[in-house]
Protein backbone atom coordinates (compact mmCIF):
# COMPACT_ATOMS: atom_id res chain seq x y z
CA UNK A 1 94.00 58.48 87.15
CA UNK A 2 93.41 62.23 87.22
CA UNK A 3 90.87 61.83 90.03
CA UNK A 4 93.27 59.73 92.09
CA UNK A 5 96.04 62.31 91.82
CA UNK A 6 93.61 65.09 92.81
CA UNK A 7 92.46 63.13 95.85
CA UNK A 8 96.06 62.35 96.73
CA UNK A 9 96.92 66.06 96.62
CA UNK A 10 94.03 66.92 98.95
CA UNK A 11 94.93 64.13 101.37
CA UNK A 12 98.59 65.17 101.45
CA UNK A 13 97.65 68.80 102.10
CA UNK A 14 95.32 67.71 104.92
CA UNK A 15 97.97 65.50 106.51
CA UNK A 16 100.54 68.32 106.27
CA UNK A 17 98.10 70.72 107.96
CA UNK A 18 97.48 68.22 110.75
CA UNK A 19 101.22 67.76 111.24
CA UNK A 20 101.85 71.51 111.49
CA UNK A 21 98.96 71.86 113.95
CA UNK A 22 100.29 69.04 116.10
CA UNK A 23 103.78 70.51 116.09
CA UNK A 24 102.59 74.00 117.07
CA UNK A 25 100.24 72.88 119.85
CA UNK A 26 102.89 72.68 122.63
CA UNK A 27 104.11 76.19 121.78
CA UNK A 28 100.58 77.57 121.88
CA UNK A 29 99.90 75.85 125.20
CA UNK A 30 103.07 77.34 126.70
CA UNK A 31 102.21 80.85 125.50
CA UNK A 32 98.69 80.58 126.91
CA UNK A 33 100.09 79.39 130.27
CA UNK A 34 102.32 82.47 130.31
CA UNK A 35 99.25 84.69 129.85
CA UNK A 36 99.22 85.49 126.15
CA UNK A 37 95.57 85.73 125.09
CA UNK A 38 94.14 83.98 122.05
CA UNK A 39 93.97 86.02 118.86
CA UNK A 40 90.91 88.20 118.54
CA UNK A 41 88.84 88.07 115.36
CA UNK A 42 89.43 90.77 112.75
CA UNK A 43 87.18 93.82 113.01
CA UNK A 44 83.97 93.68 111.05
CA UNK A 45 83.67 96.01 108.05
CA UNK A 46 81.81 99.25 108.69
CA UNK A 47 78.12 99.20 107.95
CA UNK A 48 76.90 101.36 105.07
CA UNK A 49 75.91 104.86 106.12
CA UNK A 50 72.19 105.39 106.31
CA UNK A 51 70.94 108.38 104.35
């Protein structure tokens, strides 16, 4: 029973994420049509200084 409840939790989280994605897609499409660029990736951490 513990395994079933764990799987159920994962499935519910996945379904909720899909629902949020589907609901936000029209807003994202509208913003892109209006010229807002996609988010850029975060900057990479600085490389260690060579001595």
